Amino acid sequence: MEIPEIKMNKAKELIYTSRHISLATTNADGSPHNSPIKFLYDEKLEHIYWDSNIETLHSQNILRTGQIFAVLFDRMENDGVYIKCEGGHILDGNELEVGLEITNSFRTKEGQQKINLDYYSAGSVQKMWSAKITNLWINMPVRDGDGFILRDERVELERNTLLEDIQI
């Protein structure tokens, strides 16, 4: 299914302007858990980054499974970008330095104070995390002859297309 330009631009807008994501994980008993968190991404849309207290339920779930499902959405419209991630983990060493550079780049653009590396030191419960983005997609409605929605169809988003110029 081809993605109309307006839908592609909306997906790009959500990726480039959203700073909070709905992060879903799975509890040890198999039940779902969802947390709104502030997040960032690298310039190639290969990884997401966030910081979180190691003791939170979503952090414990990520340490146990490494799996994440996330959604960026427009609360006023029926649009969203769905993101599947794997390998969620706490950053340290060079990975932490890269993640902190990305974080501080965003913070500078938003007029916020930079975070120092020692904020995430060994004694701190606050840690920087990352996960690899494996899939990005939107759902496109399939309609009947009268225009009513029958179902949604998943349409994969190509990273290269998402990285092209955005018109917002």
N, C-alpha and C. Protein backbone atom coordinates (compact mmCIF):
# COMPACT_ATOMS: atom_id res chain seq x y z
N MET A 1 0.85 -1.17 0.00
CA MET A 1 0.00 0.00 0.00
C MET A 1 0.90 1.24 0.00
N GLU A 2 0.63 2.14 -0.91
CA GLU A 2 1.41 3.37 -1.01
C GLU A 2 0.92 4.37 0.04
N ILE A 3 1.87 5.06 0.64
CA ILE A 3 1.54 6.04 1.68
C ILE A 3 1.33 7.40 1.03
N PRO A 4 0.15 8.00 1.21
CA PRO A 4 -0.07 9.35 0.68
C PRO A 4 0.91 10.34 1.30
N GLU A 5 1.28 11.35 0.54
CA GLU A 5 2.27 12.34 1.00
C GLU A 5 1.85 12.98 2.33
N ILE A 6 0.57 13.26 2.49
CA ILE A 6 0.10 13.90 3.72
C ILE A 6 0.34 12.99 4.93
N LYS A 7 0.15 11.69 4.77
CA LYS A 7 0.38 10.73 5.86
C LYS A 7 1.88 10.61 6.15
N MET A 8 2.70 10.60 5.09
CA MET A 8 4.15 10.52 5.29
C MET A 8 4.65 11.77 6.01
N ASN A 9 4.15 12.94 5.60
CA ASN A 9 4.57 14.17 6.28
C ASN A 9 4.14 14.17 7.74
N LYS A 10 2.97 13.62 8.04
CA LYS A 10 2.51 13.54 9.42
C LYS A 10 3.42 12.62 10.23
N ALA A 11 3.82 11.50 9.65
CA ALA A 11 4.73 10.58 10.33
C ALA A 11 6.06 11.28 10.62
N LYS A 12 6.59 11.99 9.63
CA LYS A 12 7.83 12.73 9.82
C LYS A 12 7.67 13.79 10.91
N GLU A 13 6.55 14.50 10.86
CA GLU A 13 6.31 15.54 11.86
C GLU A 13 6.30 14.94 13.27
N LEU A 14 5.64 13.81 13.44
CA LEU A 14 5.61 13.16 14.75
C LEU A 14 7.01 12.76 15.21
N ILE A 15 7.80 12.23 14.30
CA ILE A 15 9.16 11.82 14.65
C ILE A 15 10.03 13.03 15.00
N TYR A 16 9.93 14.07 14.21
CA TYR A 16 10.81 15.22 14.40
C TYR A 16 10.37 16.19 15.48
N THR A 17 9.11 16.17 15.90
CA THR A 17 8.66 17.14 16.88
C THR A 17 8.25 16.52 18.22
N SER A 18 7.99 15.24 18.26
CA SER A 18 7.57 14.61 19.52
C SER A 18 8.78 14.44 20.44
N ARG A 19 8.56 14.71 21.70
CA ARG A 19 9.61 14.49 22.69
C ARG A 19 9.17 13.49 23.75
N HIS A 20 7.92 13.07 23.68
CA HIS A 20 7.44 12.04 24.60
C HIS A 20 6.90 10.87 23.78
N ILE A 21 7.09 9.71 24.32
CA ILE A 21 6.70 8.48 23.63
C ILE A 21 5.96 7.60 24.63
N SER A 22 5.04 6.83 24.15
CA SER A 22 4.35 5.86 24.97
C SER A 22 5.14 4.55 24.86
N LEU A 23 5.81 4.18 25.93
CA LEU A 23 6.73 3.05 25.93
C LEU A 23 6.08 1.84 26.59
N ALA A 24 5.87 0.79 25.82
CA ALA A 24 5.22 -0.41 26.34
C ALA A 24 6.26 -1.51 26.56
N THR A 25 6.11 -2.16 27.71
CA THR A 25 6.96 -3.30 28.06
C THR A 25 6.05 -4.40 28.60
N THR A 26 6.65 -5.55 28.90
CA THR A 26 5.88 -6.67 29.43
C THR A 26 6.36 -7.01 30.83
N ASN A 27 5.41 -7.06 31.77
CA ASN A 27 5.74 -7.43 33.15
C ASN A 27 6.11 -8.91 33.23
N ALA A 28 6.73 -9.29 34.32
CA ALA A 28 7.17 -10.68 34.52
C ALA A 28 6.01 -11.67 34.43
N ASP A 29 4.81 -11.24 34.82
CA ASP A 29 3.65 -12.14 34.76
C ASP A 29 2.98 -12.16 33.38
N GLY A 30 3.57 -11.43 32.41
CA GLY A 30 3.03 -11.40 31.05
C GLY A 30 2.05 -10.26 30.80
N SER A 31 1.68 -9.53 31.83
CA SER A 31 0.76 -8.41 31.66
C SER A 31 1.48 -7.21 31.04
N PRO A 32 0.73 -6.34 30.36
CA PRO A 32 1.36 -5.18 29.72
C PRO A 32 1.63 -4.06 30.71
N HIS A 33 2.62 -3.25 30.38
CA HIS A 33 2.93 -2.05 31.16
C HIS A 33 3.25 -0.94 30.17
N ASN A 34 2.74 0.25 30.42
CA ASN A 34 2.96 1.37 29.51
C ASN A 34 3.36 2.60 30.31
N SER A 35 4.37 3.32 29.80
CA SER A 35 4.88 4.51 30.48
C SER A 35 5.14 5.61 29.48
N PRO A 36 4.66 6.82 29.75
CA PRO A 36 5.05 7.95 28.91
C PRO A 36 6.43 8.42 29.36
N ILE A 37 7.35 8.52 28.42
CA ILE A 37 8.71 8.97 28.76
C ILE A 37 9.18 9.99 27.73
N LYS A 38 10.12 10.81 28.15
CA LYS A 38 10.78 11.73 27.22
C LYS A 38 11.85 10.93 26.51
N PHE A 39 11.95 11.06 25.19
CA PHE A 39 12.89 10.25 24.44
C PHE A 39 13.58 11.10 23.38
N LEU A 40 14.66 10.55 22.84
CA LEU A 40 15.41 11.15 21.74
C LEU A 40 15.81 10.03 20.79
N TYR A 41 16.37 10.39 19.66
CA TYR A 41 16.80 9.40 18.68
C TYR A 41 18.09 9.89 18.05
N ASP A 42 18.83 8.98 17.42
CA ASP A 42 20.04 9.38 16.72
C ASP A 42 19.69 9.87 15.32
N GLU A 43 20.66 10.47 14.64
CA GLU A 43 20.39 11.10 13.34
C GLU A 43 20.00 10.13 12.24
N LYS A 44 20.26 8.85 12.41
CA LYS A 44 19.89 7.85 11.39
C LYS A 44 18.63 7.07 11.76
N LEU A 45 18.00 7.46 12.85
CA LEU A 45 16.81 6.76 13.35
C LEU A 45 17.07 5.27 13.56
N GLU A 46 18.24 4.97 14.10
CA GLU A 46 18.59 3.58 14.39
C GLU A 46 18.37 3.22 15.85
N HIS A 47 18.42 4.22 16.73
CA HIS A 47 18.29 3.99 18.16
C HIS A 47 17.44 5.07 18.80
N ILE A 48 16.73 4.70 19.86
CA ILE A 48 16.10 5.69 20.71
C ILE A 48 16.90 5.76 22.00
N TYR A 49 16.81 6.91 22.67
CA TYR A 49 17.52 7.15 23.92
C TYR A 49 16.56 7.78 24.92
N TRP A 50 16.73 7.47 26.18
CA TRP A 50 15.94 8.07 27.24
C TRP A 50 16.70 7.89 28.54
N ASP A 51 16.30 8.63 29.55
CA ASP A 51 16.86 8.35 30.87
C ASP A 51 15.72 7.98 31.80
N SER A 52 16.05 7.12 32.74
CA SER A 52 15.02 6.61 33.63
C SER A 52 15.67 6.03 34.87
N ASN A 53 14.92 6.06 35.95
CA ASN A 53 15.36 5.45 37.19
C ASN A 53 15.38 3.93 37.00
N ILE A 54 16.46 3.31 37.42
CA ILE A 54 16.64 1.87 37.23
C ILE A 54 15.60 1.05 38.00
N GLU A 55 14.98 1.66 39.01
CA GLU A 55 14.04 0.93 39.85
C GLU A 55 12.60 0.95 39.32
N THR A 56 12.31 1.74 38.28
CA THR A 56 10.94 1.78 37.76
C THR A 56 10.56 0.44 37.13
N LEU A 57 9.28 0.19 37.05
CA LEU A 57 8.80 -1.08 36.50
C LEU A 57 9.21 -1.25 35.04
N HIS A 58 9.07 -0.17 34.23
CA HIS A 58 9.46 -0.33 32.82
C HIS A 58 10.96 -0.60 32.69
N SER A 59 11.78 0.00 33.54
CA SER A 59 13.23 -0.27 33.51
C SER A 59 13.52 -1.72 33.87
N GLN A 60 12.85 -2.22 34.89
CA GLN A 60 13.04 -3.62 35.28
C GLN A 60 12.59 -4.57 34.16
N ASN A 61 11.49 -4.23 33.50
CA ASN A 61 11.01 -5.05 32.38
C ASN A 61 12.02 -5.04 31.24
N ILE A 62 12.59 -3.87 30.94
CA ILE A 62 13.57 -3.78 29.84
C ILE A 62 14.83 -4.56 30.19
N LEU A 63 15.28 -4.46 31.45
CA LEU A 63 16.46 -5.24 31.85
C LEU A 63 16.22 -6.73 31.69
N ARG A 64 14.98 -7.17 31.95
CA ARG A 64 14.64 -8.59 31.86
C ARG A 64 14.49 -9.07 30.42
N THR A 65 13.86 -8.24 29.55
CA THR A 65 13.55 -8.72 28.19
C THR A 65 14.30 -8.01 27.07
N GLY A 66 14.65 -6.75 27.29
CA GLY A 66 15.28 -5.95 26.24
C GLY A 66 14.29 -5.49 25.17
N GLN A 67 13.03 -5.88 25.28
CA GLN A 67 12.02 -5.59 24.26
C GLN A 67 11.19 -4.36 24.61
N ILE A 68 10.91 -3.56 23.57
CA ILE A 68 10.12 -2.35 23.75
C ILE A 68 9.20 -2.19 22.53
N PHE A 69 8.00 -1.72 22.80
CA PHE A 69 7.09 -1.30 21.75
C PHE A 69 6.70 0.13 22.10
N ALA A 70 6.80 1.03 21.14
CA ALA A 70 6.54 2.44 21.43
C ALA A 70 5.63 3.05 20.37
N VAL A 71 4.92 4.09 20.79
CA VAL A 71 4.03 4.79 19.87
C VAL A 71 4.19 6.29 20.07
N LEU A 72 4.35 6.98 18.94
CA LEU A 72 4.25 8.44 18.89
C LEU A 72 2.87 8.71 18.31
N PHE A 73 2.12 9.63 18.90
CA PHE A 73 0.79 9.85 18.36
C PHE A 73 0.37 11.30 18.52
N ASP A 74 -0.56 11.69 17.70
CA ASP A 74 -1.18 13.00 17.77
C ASP A 74 -2.50 12.82 18.50
N ARG A 75 -2.61 13.40 19.66
CA ARG A 75 -3.81 13.19 20.48
C ARG A 75 -5.06 13.80 19.87
N MET A 76 -4.90 14.68 18.88
CA MET A 76 -6.05 15.33 18.26
C MET A 76 -6.46 14.67 16.94
N GLU A 77 -5.60 13.84 16.39
CA GLU A 77 -5.90 13.18 15.12
C GLU A 77 -5.66 11.69 15.25
N ASN A 78 -6.13 10.94 14.29
CA ASN A 78 -5.96 9.49 14.30
C ASN A 78 -4.68 9.11 13.55
N ASP A 79 -3.56 9.64 14.01
CA ASP A 79 -2.28 9.35 13.38
C ASP A 79 -1.30 8.88 14.44
N GLY A 80 -0.43 7.99 14.04
CA GLY A 80 0.60 7.52 14.95
C GLY A 80 1.73 6.86 14.18
N VAL A 81 2.89 6.81 14.82
CA VAL A 81 4.04 6.08 14.31
C VAL A 81 4.34 5.00 15.34
N TYR A 82 4.41 3.78 14.89
CA TYR A 82 4.64 2.63 15.75
C TYR A 82 6.10 2.21 15.61
N ILE A 83 6.73 1.93 16.75
CA ILE A 83 8.16 1.65 16.75
C ILE A 83 8.42 0.39 17.57
N LYS A 84 9.04 -0.59 16.95
CA LYS A 84 9.45 -1.80 17.65
C LYS A 84 10.95 -1.71 17.87
N CYS A 85 11.37 -2.00 19.11
CA CYS A 85 12.79 -1.92 19.46
C CYS A 85 13.23 -3.20 20.17
N GLU A 86 14.51 -3.47 20.06
CA GLU A 86 15.09 -4.60 20.78
C GLU A 86 16.41 -4.17 21.39
N GLY A 87 16.89 -4.99 22.28
CA GLY A 87 18.20 -4.73 22.89
C GLY A 87 18.22 -3.53 23.81
N GLY A 88 17.10 -3.23 24.46
CA GLY A 88 17.08 -2.13 25.41
C GLY A 88 18.05 -2.39 26.55
N HIS A 89 18.88 -1.39 26.86
CA HIS A 89 19.89 -1.58 27.90
C HIS A 89 20.37 -0.24 28.45
N ILE A 90 21.04 -0.31 29.59
CA ILE A 90 21.67 0.85 30.21
C ILE A 90 22.97 1.13 29.48
N LEU A 91 23.21 2.40 29.21
CA LEU A 91 24.44 2.78 28.51
C LEU A 91 25.57 3.00 29.50
N ASP A 92 26.77 2.61 29.07
CA ASP A 92 27.97 2.94 29.83
C ASP A 92 29.13 3.12 28.85
N GLY A 93 30.25 3.58 29.35
CA GLY A 93 31.43 3.75 28.51
C GLY A 93 31.17 4.66 27.32
N ASN A 94 31.67 4.24 26.15
CA ASN A 94 31.54 5.03 24.93
C ASN A 94 30.07 5.22 24.53
N GLU A 95 29.25 4.19 24.73
CA GLU A 95 27.82 4.32 24.40
C GLU A 95 27.16 5.43 25.21
N LEU A 96 27.53 5.54 26.48
CA LEU A 96 26.98 6.60 27.32
C LEU A 96 27.43 7.96 26.82
N GLU A 97 28.67 8.08 26.42
CA GLU A 97 29.18 9.35 25.90
C GLU A 97 28.42 9.75 24.63
N VAL A 98 28.16 8.79 23.73
CA VAL A 98 27.40 9.06 22.51
C VAL A 98 25.97 9.48 22.86
N GLY A 99 25.33 8.73 23.74
CA GLY A 99 23.97 9.05 24.15
C GLY A 99 23.87 10.41 24.81
N LEU A 100 24.86 10.75 25.63
CA LEU A 100 24.87 12.04 26.31
C LEU A 100 25.09 13.17 25.31
N GLU A 101 25.92 12.93 24.30
CA GLU A 101 26.13 13.93 23.24
C GLU A 101 24.82 14.21 22.50
N ILE A 102 24.09 13.16 22.16
CA ILE A 102 22.79 13.31 21.49
C ILE A 102 21.82 14.07 22.40
N THR A 103 21.76 13.67 23.66
CA THR A 103 20.88 14.32 24.63
C THR A 103 21.21 15.80 24.76
N ASN A 104 22.48 16.10 24.94
CA ASN A 104 22.88 17.50 25.14
C ASN A 104 22.70 18.34 23.88
N SER A 105 22.80 17.74 22.72
CA SER A 105 22.53 18.45 21.48
C SER A 105 21.06 18.89 21.43
N PHE A 106 20.16 17.97 21.78
CA PHE A 106 18.73 18.30 21.83
C PHE A 106 18.47 19.35 22.92
N ARG A 107 19.08 19.17 24.09
CA ARG A 107 18.86 20.10 25.20
C ARG A 107 19.32 21.51 24.83
N THR A 108 20.44 21.61 24.14
CA THR A 108 20.95 22.92 23.72
C THR A 108 19.97 23.59 22.77
N LYS A 109 19.44 22.83 21.80
CA LYS A 109 18.46 23.37 20.85
C LYS A 109 17.21 23.87 21.55
N GLU A 110 16.86 23.24 22.68
CA GLU A 110 15.66 23.61 23.42
C GLU A 110 15.94 24.61 24.53
N GLY A 111 17.19 25.11 24.60
CA GLY A 111 17.56 26.11 25.61
C GLY A 111 17.67 25.56 27.01
N GLN A 112 17.94 24.26 27.13
CA GLN A 112 18.05 23.63 28.45
C GLN A 112 19.52 23.42 28.81
N GLN A 113 19.76 23.31 30.09
CA GLN A 113 21.10 23.08 30.61
C GLN A 113 21.61 21.69 30.21
N LYS A 114 22.89 21.60 29.86
CA LYS A 114 23.49 20.31 29.54
C LYS A 114 23.58 19.43 30.78
N ILE A 115 23.54 18.13 30.56
CA ILE A 115 23.69 17.15 31.64
C ILE A 115 25.13 16.68 31.65
N ASN A 116 25.73 16.60 32.84
CA ASN A 116 27.10 16.11 32.96
C ASN A 116 27.12 14.59 33.06
N LEU A 117 28.21 14.01 32.61
CA LEU A 117 28.37 12.55 32.62
C LEU A 117 28.19 11.97 34.02
N ASP A 118 28.63 12.69 35.05
CA ASP A 118 28.53 12.15 36.41
C ASP A 118 27.09 12.03 36.92
N TYR A 119 26.13 12.64 36.21
CA TYR A 119 24.72 12.49 36.57
C TYR A 119 24.30 11.02 36.51
N TYR A 120 24.92 10.28 35.61
CA TYR A 120 24.61 8.86 35.42
C TYR A 120 25.67 7.95 36.06
N SER A 121 26.43 8.45 37.01
CA SER A 121 27.53 7.70 37.61
C SER A 121 27.04 6.42 38.28
N ALA A 122 27.99 5.59 38.64
CA ALA A 122 27.70 4.27 39.19
C ALA A 122 26.77 4.32 40.40
N GLY A 123 26.85 5.34 41.24
CA GLY A 123 26.01 5.41 42.43
C GLY A 123 24.62 5.96 42.19
N SER A 124 24.34 6.46 41.00
CA SER A 124 23.05 7.07 40.70
C SER A 124 22.04 6.03 40.24
N VAL A 125 20.78 6.19 40.68
CA VAL A 125 19.72 5.30 40.20
C VAL A 125 19.19 5.76 38.85
N GLN A 126 19.52 7.00 38.46
CA GLN A 126 19.11 7.53 37.16
C GLN A 126 20.13 7.06 36.11
N LYS A 127 19.67 6.42 35.07
CA LYS A 127 20.55 5.88 34.03
C LYS A 127 20.07 6.32 32.66
N MET A 128 21.00 6.34 31.71
CA MET A 128 20.64 6.58 30.32
C MET A 128 20.50 5.22 29.65
N TRP A 129 19.47 5.10 28.82
CA TRP A 129 19.12 3.86 28.17
C TRP A 129 19.09 4.04 26.66
N SER A 130 19.19 2.94 25.95
CA SER A 130 19.02 2.95 24.50
C SER A 130 18.45 1.62 24.05
N ALA A 131 17.83 1.65 22.89
CA ALA A 131 17.35 0.42 22.25
C ALA A 131 17.44 0.62 20.74
N LYS A 132 17.65 -0.48 20.04
CA LYS A 132 17.76 -0.44 18.58
C LYS A 132 16.36 -0.49 17.97
N ILE A 133 16.10 0.46 17.07
CA ILE A 133 14.83 0.46 16.35
C ILE A 133 14.88 -0.63 15.27
N THR A 134 13.96 -1.58 15.33
CA THR A 134 13.94 -2.65 14.32
C THR A 134 12.90 -2.40 13.25
N ASN A 135 11.77 -1.78 13.62
CA ASN A 135 10.70 -1.51 12.66
C ASN A 135 10.00 -0.20 13.00
N LEU A 136 9.61 0.52 11.95
CA LEU A 136 8.79 1.73 12.08
C LEU A 136 7.64 1.56 11.09
N TRP A 137 6.42 1.89 11.51
CA TRP A 137 5.30 1.78 10.58
C TRP A 137 4.16 2.70 11.00
N ILE A 138 3.24 2.87 10.08
CA ILE A 138 1.98 3.53 10.37
C ILE A 138 0.87 2.55 10.02
N ASN A 139 -0.32 2.83 10.51
CA ASN A 139 -1.49 2.05 10.13
C ASN A 139 -2.33 2.89 9.18
N MET A 140 -2.69 2.29 8.06
CA MET A 140 -3.52 2.97 7.06
C MET A 140 -4.91 2.33 7.08
N PRO A 141 -5.96 3.14 7.10
CA PRO A 141 -7.31 2.58 7.12
C PRO A 141 -7.69 1.97 5.77
N VAL A 142 -8.33 0.82 5.82
CA VAL A 142 -8.93 0.20 4.63
C VAL A 142 -10.43 0.44 4.79
N ARG A 143 -11.03 1.08 3.79
CA ARG A 143 -12.43 1.50 3.90
C ARG A 143 -13.33 0.70 2.96
N ASP A 144 -14.60 0.63 3.32
CA ASP A 144 -15.58 -0.01 2.46
C ASP A 144 -16.08 1.01 1.43
N GLY A 145 -17.02 0.62 0.60
CA GLY A 145 -17.56 1.46 -0.46
C GLY A 145 -18.22 2.73 0.04
N ASP A 146 -18.67 2.74 1.29
CA ASP A 146 -19.30 3.92 1.87
C ASP A 146 -18.31 4.81 2.63
N GLY A 147 -17.04 4.39 2.65
CA GLY A 147 -16.01 5.18 3.33
C GLY A 147 -15.80 4.82 4.78
N PHE A 148 -16.49 3.80 5.28
CA PHE A 148 -16.32 3.39 6.66
C PHE A 148 -15.09 2.49 6.79
N ILE A 149 -14.39 2.62 7.91
CA ILE A 149 -13.17 1.84 8.13
C ILE A 149 -13.52 0.38 8.42
N LEU A 150 -12.92 -0.51 7.65
CA LEU A 150 -13.08 -1.95 7.87
C LEU A 150 -11.99 -2.47 8.80
N ARG A 151 -10.76 -1.98 8.59
CA ARG A 151 -9.61 -2.42 9.38
C ARG A 151 -8.44 -1.48 9.09
N ASP A 152 -7.40 -1.63 9.85
CA ASP A 152 -6.16 -0.91 9.59
C ASP A 152 -5.17 -1.88 8.97
N GLU A 153 -4.33 -1.37 8.11
CA GLU A 153 -3.28 -2.16 7.49
C GLU A 153 -1.94 -1.54 7.85
N ARG A 154 -1.02 -2.37 8.33
CA ARG A 154 0.31 -1.91 8.70
C ARG A 154 1.11 -1.62 7.44
N VAL A 155 1.74 -0.43 7.40
CA VAL A 155 2.59 -0.05 6.28
C VAL A 155 3.94 0.37 6.84
N GLU A 156 4.96 -0.39 6.49
CA GLU A 156 6.32 -0.11 6.98
C GLU A 156 6.82 1.23 6.46
N LEU A 157 7.56 1.93 7.31
CA LEU A 157 8.19 3.20 6.94
C LEU A 157 9.68 2.94 6.71
N GLU A 158 10.19 3.44 5.62
CA GLU A 158 11.61 3.30 5.31
C GLU A 158 12.38 4.43 5.98
N ARG A 159 13.45 4.10 6.68
CA ARG A 159 14.25 5.12 7.36
C ARG A 159 14.71 6.21 6.40
N ASN A 160 15.18 5.82 5.22
CA ASN A 160 15.68 6.81 4.26
C ASN A 160 14.61 7.82 3.90
N THR A 161 13.38 7.37 3.74
CA THR A 161 12.27 8.28 3.42
C THR A 161 11.99 9.21 4.59
N LEU A 162 12.06 8.68 5.79
CA LEU A 162 11.81 9.50 6.97
C LEU A 162 12.89 10.55 7.19
N LEU A 163 14.08 10.28 6.67
CA LEU A 163 15.19 11.22 6.86
C LEU A 163 15.22 12.32 5.80
N GLU A 164 14.37 12.19 4.77
CA GLU A 164 14.29 13.21 3.74
C GLU A 164 13.64 14.46 4.31
N ASP A 165 13.77 15.56 3.58
CA ASP A 165 13.19 16.84 4.01
C ASP A 165 11.75 16.67 4.43
N ILE A 166 11.40 17.39 5.46
CA ILE A 166 10.05 17.34 5.98
C ILE A 166 9.38 18.70 5.77
N GLN A 167 8.12 18.68 5.43
CA GLN A 167 7.35 19.91 5.23
C GLN A 167 6.34 20.03 6.36
N ILE A 168 6.73 20.77 7.43
CA ILE A 168 5.78 20.98 8.55
C ILE A 168 5.56 22.45 8.78
